[in-house]
Amino acid sequence: MTSETLSTELIYRAVGSRIREERVKRNITQEDLAASVGLTRASVTNIERGRQRMPVHVLVALATSLHVSPAHLVGSFEPKTAVEIEALVPEALSDSIKQWIMAGAAKAPTKGGHR
């Protein structure tokens, strides 16, 4: 896997994680969100997991349905919360490796030098 592929994968996983977070916060089912934007529930599931790439018009439609801006869903790619960091950890890794990554991420300074 190239670094470009990895970066692309991480971007889609982070955006999907934010979509899921906003959907859950608003008590919207995947099925209802899918219906509101003309997708299948399976597509919403795959988008939330970062497995399905979406065109910009779908991102805008999802943001509109979730009552947030597309920029909010795209966000920045400096993980700030455990949920965002966890979303970037590949699922295929063992639990012990995931825990090690999460522990290191929690100790790492942010861009401004503070945690």
PDB file of N, CA and C in Angstrom:
ATOM      1  N   MET A   1       0.852  -1.177   0.000  1.00  0.00           N
ATOM      2  CA  MET A   1       0.000   0.000   0.000  1.00  0.00           C
ATOM      3  C   MET A   1       0.894   1.234   0.000  1.00  0.00           C
ATOM      4  N   THR A   2       0.681   2.156  -0.934  1.00  0.00           N
ATOM      5  CA  THR A   2       1.491   3.362  -1.016  1.00  0.00           C
ATOM      6  C   THR A   2       1.042   4.364   0.027  1.00  0.00           C
ATOM      7  N   SER A   3       1.918   5.353   0.295  1.00  0.00           N
ATOM      8  CA  SER A   3       1.535   6.376   1.279  1.00  0.00           C
ATOM      9  C   SER A   3       0.355   7.190   0.770  1.00  0.00           C
ATOM     10  N   GLU A   4       0.245   7.376  -0.563  1.00  0.00           N
ATOM     11  CA  GLU A   4      -0.901   8.099  -1.123  1.00  0.00           C
ATOM     12  C   GLU A   4      -2.187   7.320  -0.871  1.00  0.00           C
ATOM     13  N   THR A   5      -2.159   5.998  -1.080  1.00  0.00           N
ATOM     14  CA  THR A   5      -3.330   5.166  -0.836  1.00  0.00           C
ATOM     15  C   THR A   5      -3.697   5.207   0.635  1.00  0.00           C
ATOM     16  N   LEU A   6      -2.705   5.109   1.493  1.00  0.00           N
ATOM     17  CA  LEU A   6      -2.958   5.134   2.926  1.00  0.00           C
ATOM     18  C   LEU A   6      -3.576   6.464   3.331  1.00  0.00           C
ATOM     19  N   SER A   7      -3.037   7.576   2.817  1.00  0.00           N
ATOM     20  CA  SER A   7      -3.584   8.888   3.146  1.00  0.00           C
ATOM     21  C   SER A   7      -5.027   9.004   2.688  1.00  0.00           C
ATOM     22  N   THR A   8      -5.322   8.529   1.490  1.00  0.00           N
ATOM     23  CA  THR A   8      -6.682   8.568   0.975  1.00  0.00           C
ATOM     24  C   THR A   8      -7.601   7.738   1.847  1.00  0.00           C
ATOM     25  N   GLU A   9      -7.156   6.552   2.216  1.00  0.00           N
ATOM     26  CA  GLU A   9      -7.964   5.682   3.077  1.00  0.00           C
ATOM     27  C   GLU A   9      -8.253   6.359   4.415  1.00  0.00           C
ATOM     28  N   LEU A  10      -7.251   6.977   4.998  1.00  0.00           N
ATOM     29  CA  LEU A  10      -7.429   7.647   6.289  1.00  0.00           C
ATOM     30  C   LEU A  10      -8.400   8.817   6.189  1.00  0.00           C
ATOM     31  N   ILE A  11      -8.352   9.537   5.083  1.00  0.00           N
ATOM     32  CA  ILE A  11      -9.267  10.659   4.889  1.00  0.00           C
ATOM     33  C   ILE A  11     -10.706  10.157   4.869  1.00  0.00           C
ATOM     34  N   TYR A  12     -10.970   9.125   4.077  1.00  0.00           N
ATOM     35  CA  TYR A  12     -12.338   8.608   3.980  1.00  0.00           C
ATOM     36  C   TYR A  12     -12.807   7.993   5.295  1.00  0.00           C
ATOM     37  N   ARG A  13     -11.903   7.370   6.045  1.00  0.00           N
ATOM     38  CA  ARG A  13     -12.289   6.819   7.344  1.00  0.00           C
ATOM     39  C   ARG A  13     -12.615   7.931   8.335  1.00  0.00           C
ATOM     40  N   ALA A  14     -11.833   9.007   8.315  1.00  0.00           N
ATOM     41  CA  ALA A  14     -12.080  10.124   9.231  1.00  0.00           C
ATOM     42  C   ALA A  14     -13.401  10.819   8.901  1.00  0.00           C
ATOM     43  N   VAL A  15     -13.651  11.062   7.609  1.00  0.00           N
ATOM     44  CA  VAL A  15     -14.912  11.702   7.206  1.00  0.00           C
ATOM     45  C   VAL A  15     -16.086  10.790   7.556  1.00  0.00           C
ATOM     46  N   GLY A  16     -15.953   9.502   7.286  1.00  0.00           N
ATOM     47  CA  GLY A  16     -17.018   8.553   7.617  1.00  0.00           C
ATOM     48  C   GLY A  16     -17.302   8.517   9.106  1.00  0.00           C
ATOM     49  N   SER A  17     -16.251   8.595   9.887  1.00  0.00           N
ATOM     50  CA  SER A  17     -16.412   8.602  11.341  1.00  0.00           C
ATOM     51  C   SER A  17     -17.185   9.833  11.792  1.00  0.00           C
ATOM     52  N   ARG A  18     -16.909  10.971  11.179  1.00  0.00           N
ATOM     53  CA  ARG A  18     -17.632  12.199  11.533  1.00  0.00           C
ATOM     54  C   ARG A  18     -19.099  12.114  11.110  1.00  0.00           C
ATOM     55  N   ILE A  19     -19.350  11.506   9.952  1.00  0.00           N
ATOM     56  CA  ILE A  19     -20.735  11.323   9.508  1.00  0.00           C
ATOM     57  C   ILE A  19     -21.481  10.450  10.515  1.00  0.00           C
ATOM     58  N   ARG A  20     -20.878   9.335  10.905  1.00  0.00           N
ATOM     59  CA  ARG A  20     -21.497   8.438  11.881  1.00  0.00           C
ATOM     60  C   ARG A  20     -21.738   9.166  13.207  1.00  0.00           C
ATOM     61  N   GLU A  21     -20.752   9.921  13.662  1.00  0.00           N
ATOM     62  CA  GLU A  21     -20.879  10.653  14.926  1.00  0.00           C
ATOM     63  C   GLU A  21     -22.064  11.618  14.881  1.00  0.00           C
ATOM     64  N   GLU A  22     -22.205  12.359  13.804  1.00  0.00           N
ATOM     65  CA  GLU A  22     -23.319  13.315  13.683  1.00  0.00           C
ATOM     66  C   GLU A  22     -24.658  12.590  13.560  1.00  0.00           C
ATOM     67  N   ARG A  23     -24.676  11.485  12.835  1.00  0.00           N
ATOM     68  CA  ARG A  23     -25.912  10.712  12.670  1.00  0.00           C
ATOM     69  C   ARG A  23     -26.384  10.172  14.015  1.00  0.00           C
ATOM     70  N   VAL A  24     -25.472   9.589  14.759  1.00  0.00           N
ATOM     71  CA  VAL A  24     -25.811   9.014  16.067  1.00  0.00           C
ATOM     72  C   VAL A  24     -26.241  10.119  17.037  1.00  0.00           C
ATOM     73  N   LYS A  25     -25.541  11.245  17.008  1.00  0.00           N
ATOM     74  CA  LYS A  25     -25.873  12.376  17.883  1.00  0.00           C
ATOM     75  C   LYS A  25     -27.317  12.829  17.666  1.00  0.00           C
ATOM     76  N   ARG A  26     -27.796  12.695  16.439  1.00  0.00           N
ATOM     77  CA  ARG A  26     -29.147  13.150  16.103  1.00  0.00           C
ATOM     78  C   ARG A  26     -30.179  12.015  16.115  1.00  0.00           C
ATOM     79  N   ASN A  27     -29.766  10.838  16.559  1.00  0.00           N
ATOM     80  CA  ASN A  27     -30.648   9.665  16.614  1.00  0.00           C
ATOM     81  C   ASN A  27     -31.291   9.361  15.258  1.00  0.00           C
ATOM     82  N   ILE A  28     -30.505   9.433  14.214  1.00  0.00           N
ATOM     83  CA  ILE A  28     -30.962   9.110  12.869  1.00  0.00           C
ATOM     84  C   ILE A  28     -30.422   7.728  12.518  1.00  0.00           C
ATOM     85  N   THR A  29     -31.277   6.868  12.006  1.00  0.00           N
ATOM     86  CA  THR A  29     -30.804   5.542  11.601  1.00  0.00           C
ATOM     87  C   THR A  29     -30.065   5.649  10.276  1.00  0.00           C
ATOM     88  N   GLN A  30     -29.243   4.651   9.997  1.00  0.00           N
ATOM     89  CA  GLN A  30     -28.569   4.599   8.699  1.00  0.00           C
ATOM     90  C   GLN A  30     -29.601   4.539   7.579  1.00  0.00           C
ATOM     91  N   GLU A  31     -30.651   3.802   7.805  1.00  0.00           N
ATOM     92  CA  GLU A  31     -31.703   3.666   6.799  1.00  0.00           C
ATOM     93  C   GLU A  31     -32.374   5.006   6.507  1.00  0.00           C
ATOM     94  N   ASP A  32     -32.677   5.771   7.553  1.00  0.00           N
ATOM     95  CA  ASP A  32     -33.313   7.079   7.355  1.00  0.00           C
ATOM     96  C   ASP A  32     -32.367   8.062   6.669  1.00  0.00           C
ATOM     97  N   LEU A  33     -31.106   8.051   7.073  1.00  0.00           N
ATOM     98  CA  LEU A  33     -30.133   8.933   6.422  1.00  0.00           C
ATOM     99  C   LEU A  33     -29.983   8.561   4.949  1.00  0.00           C
ATOM    100  N   ALA A  34     -29.894   7.275   4.689  1.00  0.00           N
ATOM    101  CA  ALA A  34     -29.767   6.803   3.305  1.00  0.00           C
ATOM    102  C   ALA A  34     -30.950   7.262   2.462  1.00  0.00           C
ATOM    103  N   ALA A  35     -32.155   7.096   2.992  1.00  0.00           N
ATOM    104  CA  ALA A  35     -33.361   7.489   2.253  1.00  0.00           C
ATOM    105  C   ALA A  35     -33.382   8.987   1.971  1.00  0.00           C
ATOM    106  N   SER A  36     -32.864   9.772   2.904  1.00  0.00           N
ATOM    107  CA  SER A  36     -32.903  11.228   2.741  1.00  0.00           C
ATOM    108  C   SER A  36     -31.963  11.729   1.647  1.00  0.00           C
ATOM    109  N   VAL A  37     -30.965  10.918   1.292  1.00  0.00           N
ATOM    110  CA  VAL A  37     -30.003  11.352   0.269  1.00  0.00           C
ATOM    111  C   VAL A  37     -29.994  10.451  -0.961  1.00  0.00           C
ATOM    112  N   GLY A  38     -30.896   9.472  -1.003  1.00  0.00           N
ATOM    113  CA  GLY A  38     -30.995   8.608  -2.175  1.00  0.00           C
ATOM    114  C   GLY A  38     -29.937   7.527  -2.260  1.00  0.00           C
ATOM    115  N   LEU A  39     -29.500   7.034  -1.104  1.00  0.00           N
ATOM    116  CA  LEU A  39     -28.529   5.940  -1.055  1.00  0.00           C
ATOM    117  C   LEU A  39     -29.174   4.717  -0.410  1.00  0.00           C
ATOM    118  N   THR A  40     -28.471   3.605  -0.447  1.00  0.00           N
ATOM    119  CA  THR A  40     -28.915   2.427   0.290  1.00  0.00           C
ATOM    120  C   THR A  40     -28.313   2.477   1.692  1.00  0.00           C
ATOM    121  N   ARG A  41     -28.905   1.733   2.605  1.00  0.00           N
ATOM    122  CA  ARG A  41     -28.343   1.651   3.962  1.00  0.00           C
ATOM    123  C   ARG A  41     -26.933   1.095   3.907  1.00  0.00           C
ATOM    124  N   ALA A  42     -26.710   0.120   3.026  1.00  0.00           N
ATOM    125  CA  ALA A  42     -25.374  -0.473   2.891  1.00  0.00           C
ATOM    126  C   ALA A  42     -24.353   0.570   2.461  1.00  0.00           C
ATOM    127  N   SER A  43     -24.751   1.492   1.588  1.00  0.00           N
ATOM    128  CA  SER A  43     -23.830   2.559   1.168  1.00  0.00           C
ATOM    129  C   SER A  43     -23.476   3.461   2.342  1.00  0.00           C
ATOM    130  N   VAL A  44     -24.466   3.803   3.158  1.00  0.00           N
ATOM    131  CA  VAL A  44     -24.185   4.641   4.333  1.00  0.00           C
ATOM    132  C   VAL A  44     -23.240   3.899   5.275  1.00  0.00           C
ATOM    133  N   THR A  45     -23.484   2.622   5.490  1.00  0.00           N
ATOM    134  CA  THR A  45     -22.590   1.822   6.328  1.00  0.00           C
ATOM    135  C   THR A  45     -21.161   1.873   5.794  1.00  0.00           C
ATOM    136  N   ASN A  46     -21.011   1.659   4.497  1.00  0.00           N
ATOM    137  CA  ASN A  46     -19.677   1.652   3.890  1.00  0.00           C
ATOM    138  C   ASN A  46     -19.030   3.029   3.911  1.00  0.00           C
ATOM    139  N   ILE A  47     -19.803   4.078   3.726  1.00  0.00           N
ATOM    140  CA  ILE A  47     -19.262   5.440   3.809  1.00  0.00           C
ATOM    141  C   ILE A  47     -18.790   5.716   5.226  1.00  0.00           C
ATOM    142  N   GLU A  48     -19.592   5.355   6.221  1.00  0.00           N
ATOM    143  CA  GLU A  48     -19.216   5.592   7.618  1.00  0.00           C
ATOM    144  C   GLU A  48     -17.950   4.826   8.002  1.00  0.00           C
ATOM    145  N   ARG A  49     -17.712   3.703   7.386  1.00  0.00           N
ATOM    146  CA  ARG A  49     -16.515   2.913   7.685  1.00  0.00           C
ATOM    147  C   ARG A  49     -15.329   3.279   6.798  1.00  0.00           C
ATOM    148  N   GLY A  50     -15.547   4.218   5.872  1.00  0.00           N
ATOM    149  CA  GLY A  50     -14.470   4.646   4.990  1.00  0.00           C
ATOM    150  C   GLY A  50     -14.197   3.698   3.851  1.00  0.00           C
ATOM    151  N   ARG A  51     -15.090   2.755   3.624  1.00  0.00           N
ATOM    152  CA  ARG A  51     -14.900   1.740   2.581  1.00  0.00           C
ATOM    153  C   ARG A  51     -15.430   2.187   1.223  1.00  0.00           C
ATOM    154  N   GLN A  52     -16.299   3.181   1.224  1.00  0.00           N
ATOM    155  CA  GLN A  52     -16.898   3.649  -0.028  1.00  0.00           C
ATOM    156  C   GLN A  52     -16.606   5.135  -0.193  1.00  0.00           C
ATOM    157  N   ARG A  53     -16.015   5.474  -1.319  1.00  0.00           N
ATOM    158  CA  ARG A  53     -15.752   6.879  -1.618  1.00  0.00           C
ATOM    159  C   ARG A  53     -17.036   7.515  -2.123  1.00  0.00           C
ATOM    160  N   MET A  54     -17.202   8.766  -1.756  1.00  0.00           N
ATOM    161  CA  MET A  54     -18.429   9.449  -2.162  1.00  0.00           C
ATOM    162  C   MET A  54     -18.090  10.689  -2.967  1.00  0.00           C
ATOM    163  N   PRO A  55     -18.914  10.977  -3.961  1.00  0.00           N
ATOM    164  CA  PRO A  55     -18.727  12.230  -4.699  1.00  0.00           C
ATOM    165  C   PRO A  55     -19.069  13.430  -3.815  1.00  0.00           C
ATOM    166  N   VAL A  56     -18.599  14.583  -4.203  1.00  0.00           N
ATOM    167  CA  VAL A  56     -18.827  15.798  -3.418  1.00  0.00           C
ATOM    168  C   VAL A  56     -20.322  16.062  -3.227  1.00  0.00           C
ATOM    169  N   HIS A  57     -21.142  15.823  -4.255  1.00  0.00           N
ATOM    170  CA  HIS A  57     -22.575  16.106  -4.106  1.00  0.00           C
ATOM    171  C   HIS A  57     -23.216  15.210  -3.043  1.00  0.00           C
ATOM    172  N   VAL A  58     -22.687  14.011  -2.851  1.00  0.00           N
ATOM    173  CA  VAL A  58     -23.207  13.124  -1.795  1.00  0.00           C
ATOM    174  C   VAL A  58     -22.762  13.651  -0.429  1.00  0.00           C
ATOM    175  N   LEU A  59     -21.525  14.118  -0.329  1.00  0.00           N
ATOM    176  CA  LEU A  59     -21.052  14.716   0.919  1.00  0.00           C
ATOM    177  C   LEU A  59     -21.926  15.906   1.301  1.00  0.00           C
ATOM    178  N   VAL A  60     -22.238  16.751   0.327  1.00  0.00           N
ATOM    179  CA  VAL A  60     -23.089  17.918   0.590  1.00  0.00           C
ATOM    180  C   VAL A  60     -24.488  17.467   1.017  1.00  0.00           C
ATOM    181  N   ALA A  61     -25.037  16.467   0.347  1.00  0.00           N
ATOM    182  CA  ALA A  61     -26.374  15.965   0.700  1.00  0.00           C
ATOM    183  C   ALA A  61     -26.378  15.379   2.115  1.00  0.00           C
ATOM    184  N   LEU A  62     -25.352  14.616   2.458  1.00  0.00           N
ATOM    185  CA  LEU A  62     -25.265  14.048   3.809  1.00  0.00           C
ATOM    186  C   LEU A  62     -25.169  15.163   4.850  1.00  0.00           C
ATOM    187  N   ALA A  63     -24.327  16.153   4.584  1.00  0.00           N
ATOM    188  CA  ALA A  63     -24.172  17.273   5.515  1.00  0.00           C
ATOM    189  C   ALA A  63     -25.494  18.004   5.694  1.00  0.00           C
ATOM    190  N   THR A  64     -26.207  18.232   4.597  1.00  0.00           N
ATOM    191  CA  THR A  64     -27.501  18.915   4.660  1.00  0.00           C
ATOM    192  C   THR A  64     -28.489  18.111   5.501  1.00  0.00           C
ATOM    193  N   SER A  65     -28.537  16.812   5.283  1.00  0.00           N
ATOM    194  CA  SER A  65     -29.449  15.954   6.049  1.00  0.00           C
ATOM    195  C   SER A  65     -29.090  15.917   7.531  1.00  0.00           C
ATOM    196  N   LEU A  66     -27.806  16.082   7.833  1.00  0.00           N
ATOM    197  CA  LEU A  66     -27.349  16.049   9.222  1.00  0.00           C
ATOM    198  C   LEU A  66     -27.334  17.449   9.856  1.00  0.00           C
ATOM    199  N   HIS A  67     -27.705  18.469   9.077  1.00  0.00           N
ATOM    200  CA  HIS A  67     -27.753  19.856   9.551  1.00  0.00           C
ATOM    201  C   HIS A  67     -26.385  20.350  10.019  1.00  0.00           C
ATOM    202  N   VAL A  68     -25.355  19.979   9.253  1.00  0.00           N
ATOM    203  CA  VAL A  68     -24.001  20.482   9.489  1.00  0.00           C
ATOM    204  C   VAL A  68     -23.433  20.916   8.147  1.00  0.00           C
ATOM    205  N   SER A  69     -22.323  21.616   8.171  1.00  0.00           N
ATOM    206  CA  SER A  69     -21.692  22.025   6.922  1.00  0.00           C
ATOM    207  C   SER A  69     -20.825  20.887   6.395  1.00  0.00           C
ATOM    208  N   PRO A  70     -20.624  20.833   5.094  1.00  0.00           N
ATOM    209  CA  PRO A  70     -19.691  19.835   4.555  1.00  0.00           C
ATOM    210  C   PRO A  70     -18.292  19.996   5.174  1.00  0.00           C
ATOM    211  N   ALA A  71     -17.900  21.238   5.440  1.00  0.00           N
ATOM    212  CA  ALA A  71     -16.585  21.484   6.059  1.00  0.00           C
ATOM    213  C   ALA A  71     -16.493  20.832   7.434  1.00  0.00           C
ATOM    214  N   HIS A  72     -17.602  20.813   8.159  1.00  0.00           N
ATOM    215  CA  HIS A  72     -17.608  20.164   9.471  1.00  0.00           C
ATOM    216  C   HIS A  72     -17.320  18.665   9.325  1.00  0.00           C
ATOM    217  N   LEU A  73     -17.911  18.047   8.309  1.00  0.00           N
ATOM    218  CA  LEU A  73     -17.684  16.614   8.094  1.00  0.00           C
ATOM    219  C   LEU A  73     -16.271  16.335   7.615  1.00  0.00           C
ATOM    220  N   VAL A  74     -15.739  17.226   6.797  1.00  0.00           N
ATOM    221  CA  VAL A  74     -14.373  17.030   6.309  1.00  0.00           C
ATOM    222  C   VAL A  74     -13.387  17.320   7.427  1.00  0.00           C
ATOM    223  N   GLY A  75     -13.607  18.411   8.153  1.00  0.00           N
ATOM    224  CA  GLY A  75     -12.771  18.737   9.302  1.00  0.00           C
ATOM    225  C   GLY A  75     -11.301  18.852   8.974  1.00  0.00           C
ATOM    226  N   SER A  76     -10.492  18.736   9.986  1.00  0.00           N
ATOM    227  CA  SER A  76      -9.046  18.721   9.802  1.00  0.00           C
ATOM    228  C   SER A  76      -8.587  17.278   9.970  1.00  0.00           C
ATOM    229  N   PHE A  77      -7.396  17.020   9.588  1.00  0.00           N
ATOM    230  CA  PHE A  77      -6.912  15.652   9.684  1.00  0.00           C
ATOM    231  C   PHE A  77      -5.839  15.492  10.741  1.00  0.00           C
ATOM    232  N   GLU A  78      -5.886  16.374  11.726  1.00  0.00           N
ATOM    233  CA  GLU A  78      -5.083  16.192  12.922  1.00  0.00           C
ATOM    234  C   GLU A  78      -6.042  15.657  13.967  1.00  0.00           C
ATOM    235  N   PRO A  79      -5.995  14.349  14.257  1.00  0.00           N
ATOM    236  CA  PRO A  79      -6.958  13.784  15.202  1.00  0.00           C
ATOM    237  C   PRO A  79      -6.842  14.445  16.567  1.00  0.00           C
ATOM    238  N   LYS A  80      -8.002  14.749  17.149  1.00  0.00           N
ATOM    239  CA  LYS A  80      -8.015  15.439  18.430  1.00  0.00           C
ATOM    240  C   LYS A  80      -8.647  14.612  19.541  1.00  0.00           C
ATOM    241  N   THR A  81      -9.507  13.686  19.183  1.00  0.00           N
ATOM    242  CA  THR A  81     -10.189  12.902  20.202  1.00  0.00           C
ATOM    243  C   THR A  81      -9.862  11.436  20.014  1.00  0.00           C
ATOM    244  N   ALA A  82     -10.092  10.672  21.046  1.00  0.00           N
ATOM    245  CA  ALA A  82      -9.848   9.233  20.965  1.00  0.00           C
ATOM    246  C   ALA A  82     -10.690   8.606  19.866  1.00  0.00           C
ATOM    247  N   VAL A  83     -11.919   9.097  19.679  1.00  0.00           N
ATOM    248  CA  VAL A  83     -12.796   8.554  18.637  1.00  0.00           C
ATOM    249  C   VAL A  83     -12.191   8.806  17.268  1.00  0.00           C
ATOM    250  N   GLU A  84     -11.695  10.042  17.035  1.00  0.00           N
ATOM    251  CA  GLU A  84     -11.078  10.350  15.750  1.00  0.00           C
ATOM    252  C   GLU A  84      -9.799   9.548  15.542  1.00  0.00           C
ATOM    253  N   ILE A  85      -8.993   9.418  16.581  1.00  0.00           N
ATOM    254  CA  ILE A  85      -7.752   8.655  16.471  1.00  0.00           C
ATOM    255  C   ILE A  85      -8.079   7.191  16.194  1.00  0.00           C
ATOM    256  N   GLU A  86      -9.041   6.642  16.926  1.00  0.00           N
ATOM    257  CA  GLU A  86      -9.422   5.242  16.747  1.00  0.00           C
ATOM    258  C   GLU A  86      -9.928   4.978  15.334  1.00  0.00           C
ATOM    259  N   ALA A  87     -10.632   5.955  14.755  1.00  0.00           N
ATOM    260  CA  ALA A  87     -11.155   5.798  13.399  1.00  0.00           C
ATOM    261  C   ALA A  87     -10.027   5.686  12.376  1.00  0.00           C
ATOM    262  N   LEU A  88      -8.850   6.196  12.717  1.00  0.00           N
ATOM    263  CA  LEU A  88      -7.728   6.156  11.790  1.00  0.00           C
ATOM    264  C   LEU A  88      -6.879   4.900  11.936  1.00  0.00           C
ATOM    265  N   VAL A  89      -7.110   4.130  12.981  1.00  0.00           N
ATOM    266  CA  VAL A  89      -6.330   2.914  13.209  1.00  0.00           C
ATOM    267  C   VAL A  89      -6.925   1.789  12.362  1.00  0.00           C
ATOM    268  N   PRO A  90      -6.111   1.195  11.500  1.00  0.00           N
ATOM    269  CA  PRO A  90      -6.641   0.127  10.632  1.00  0.00           C
ATOM    270  C   PRO A  90      -7.280  -0.997  11.429  1.00  0.00           C
ATOM    271  N   GLU A  91      -8.448  -1.447  10.967  1.00  0.00           N
ATOM    272  CA  GLU A  91      -9.214  -2.489  11.647  1.00  0.00           C
ATOM    273  C   GLU A  91      -8.476  -3.824  11.689  1.00  0.00           C
ATOM    274  N   ALA A  92      -7.595  -4.071  10.729  1.00  0.00           N
ATOM    275  CA  ALA A  92      -6.940  -5.362  10.622  1.00  0.00           C
ATOM    276  C   ALA A  92      -5.872  -5.582  11.696  1.00  0.00           C
ATOM    277  N   LEU A  93      -5.491  -4.557  12.430  1.00  0.00           N
ATOM    278  CA  LEU A  93      -4.454  -4.705  13.452  1.00  0.00           C
ATOM    279  C   LEU A  93      -5.002  -5.440  14.669  1.00  0.00           C
ATOM    280  N   SER A  94      -4.107  -6.104  15.377  1.00  0.00           N
ATOM    281  CA  SER A  94      -4.522  -6.803  16.595  1.00  0.00           C
ATOM    282  C   SER A  94      -4.905  -5.783  17.661  1.00  0.00           C
ATOM    283  N   ASP A  95      -5.693  -6.221  18.639  1.00  0.00           N
ATOM    284  CA  ASP A  95      -6.127  -5.332  19.715  1.00  0.00           C
ATOM    285  C   ASP A  95      -4.949  -4.753  20.488  1.00  0.00           C
ATOM    286  N   SER A  96      -3.913  -5.557  20.719  1.00  0.00           N
ATOM    287  CA  SER A  96      -2.766  -5.062  21.488  1.00  0.00           C
ATOM    288  C   SER A  96      -2.021  -3.968  20.716  1.00  0.00           C
ATOM    289  N   ILE A  97      -1.912  -4.101  19.413  1.00  0.00           N
ATOM    290  CA  ILE A  97      -1.266  -3.072  18.597  1.00  0.00           C
ATOM    291  C   ILE A  97      -2.131  -1.813  18.577  1.00  0.00           C
ATOM    292  N   LYS A  98      -3.454  -1.969  18.453  1.00  0.00           N
ATOM    293  CA  LYS A  98      -4.351  -0.815  18.484  1.00  0.00           C
ATOM    294  C   LYS A  98      -4.207  -0.056  19.804  1.00  0.00           C
ATOM    295  N   GLN A  99      -4.156  -0.796  20.922  1.00  0.00           N
ATOM    296  CA  GLN A  99      -4.024  -0.164  22.235  1.00  0.00           C
ATOM    297  C   GLN A  99      -2.700   0.595  22.331  1.00  0.00           C
ATOM    298  N   TRP A 100      -1.635   0.021  21.787  1.00  0.00           N
ATOM    299  CA  TRP A 100      -0.327   0.666  21.804  1.00  0.00           C
ATOM    300  C   TRP A 100      -0.369   1.974  21.006  1.00  0.00           C
ATOM    301  N   ILE A 101      -1.011   1.941  19.841  1.00  0.00           N
ATOM    302  CA  ILE A 101      -1.134   3.144  19.016  1.00  0.00           C
ATOM    303  C   ILE A 101      -1.946   4.202  19.742  1.00  0.00           C
ATOM    304  N   MET A 102      -3.074   3.789  20.326  1.00  0.00           N
ATOM    305  CA  MET A 102      -3.936   4.736  21.026  1.00  0.00           C
ATOM    306  C   MET A 102      -3.216   5.358  22.223  1.00  0.00           C
ATOM    307  N   ALA A 103      -2.438   4.570  22.940  1.00  0.00           N
ATOM    308  CA  ALA A 103      -1.695   5.087  24.093  1.00  0.00           C
ATOM    309  C   ALA A 103      -0.665   6.116  23.641  1.00  0.00           C
ATOM    310  N   GLY A 104       0.026   5.829  22.558  1.00  0.00           N
ATOM    311  CA  GLY A 104       1.007   6.772  22.024  1.00  0.00           C
ATOM    312  C   GLY A 104       0.356   8.041  21.514  1.00  0.00           C
ATOM    313  N   ALA A 105      -0.787   7.913  20.867  1.00  0.00           N
ATOM    314  CA  ALA A 105      -1.495   9.083  20.341  1.00  0.00           C
ATOM    315  C   ALA A 105      -1.975   9.976  21.470  1.00  0.00           C
ATOM    316  N   ALA A 106      -2.369   9.379  22.580  1.00  0.00           N
ATOM    317  CA  ALA A 106      -2.850  10.165  23.715  1.00  0.00           C
ATOM    318  C   ALA A 106      -1.723  10.989  24.334  1.00  0.00           C
ATOM    319  N   LYS A 107      -0.490  10.507  24.222  1.00  0.00           N
ATOM    320  CA  LYS A 107       0.668  11.206  24.803  1.00  0.00           C
ATOM    321  C   LYS A 107       1.280  12.219  23.846  1.00  0.00           C
ATOM    322  N   ALA A 108       0.998  12.085  22.545  1.00  0.00           N
ATOM    323  CA  ALA A 108       1.641  12.937  21.553  1.00  0.00           C
ATOM    324  C   ALA A 108       1.153  14.378  21.659  1.00  0.00           C
ATOM    325  N   PRO A 109       2.076  15.335  21.519  1.00  0.00           N
ATOM    326  CA  PRO A 109       1.648  16.738  21.534  1.00  0.00           C
ATOM    327  C   PRO A 109       0.888  17.054  20.243  1.00  0.00           C
ATOM    328  N   THR A 110      -0.001  18.020  20.316  1.00  0.00           N
ATOM    329  CA  THR A 110      -0.730  18.459  19.118  1.00  0.00           C
ATOM    330  C   THR A 110       0.103  19.487  18.405  1.00  0.00           C
ATOM    331  N   LYS A 111      -0.390  19.994  17.304  1.00  0.00           N
ATOM    332  CA  LYS A 111       0.305  20.959  16.468  1.00  0.00           C
ATOM    333  C   LYS A 111       0.810  22.159  17.281  1.00  0.00           C
ATOM    334  N   GLY A 112      -0.003  22.656  18.201  1.00  0.00           N
ATOM    335  CA  GLY A 112       0.376  23.807  19.017  1.00  0.00           C
ATOM    336  C   GLY A 112       1.285  23.449  20.170  1.00  0.00           C
ATOM    337  N   GLY A 113       1.616  22.165  20.334  1.00  0.00           N
ATOM    338  CA  GLY A 113       2.498  21.736  21.389  1.00  0.00           C
ATOM    339  C   GLY A 113       1.803  21.361  22.681  1.00  0.00           C
ATOM    340  N   HIS A 114       0.502  21.464  22.730  1.00  0.00           N
ATOM    341  CA  HIS A 114      -0.267  21.128  23.931  1.00  0.00           C
ATOM    342  C   HIS A 114      -1.223  19.990  23.646  1.00  0.00           C
ATOM    343  N   ARG A 115      -1.572  19.257  24.642  1.00  0.00           N
ATOM    344  CA  ARG A 115      -2.566  18.176  24.514  1.00  0.00           C
ATOM    345  C   ARG A 115      -3.844  18.607  25.122  1.00  0.00           C
TER     346      ARG A 115
END
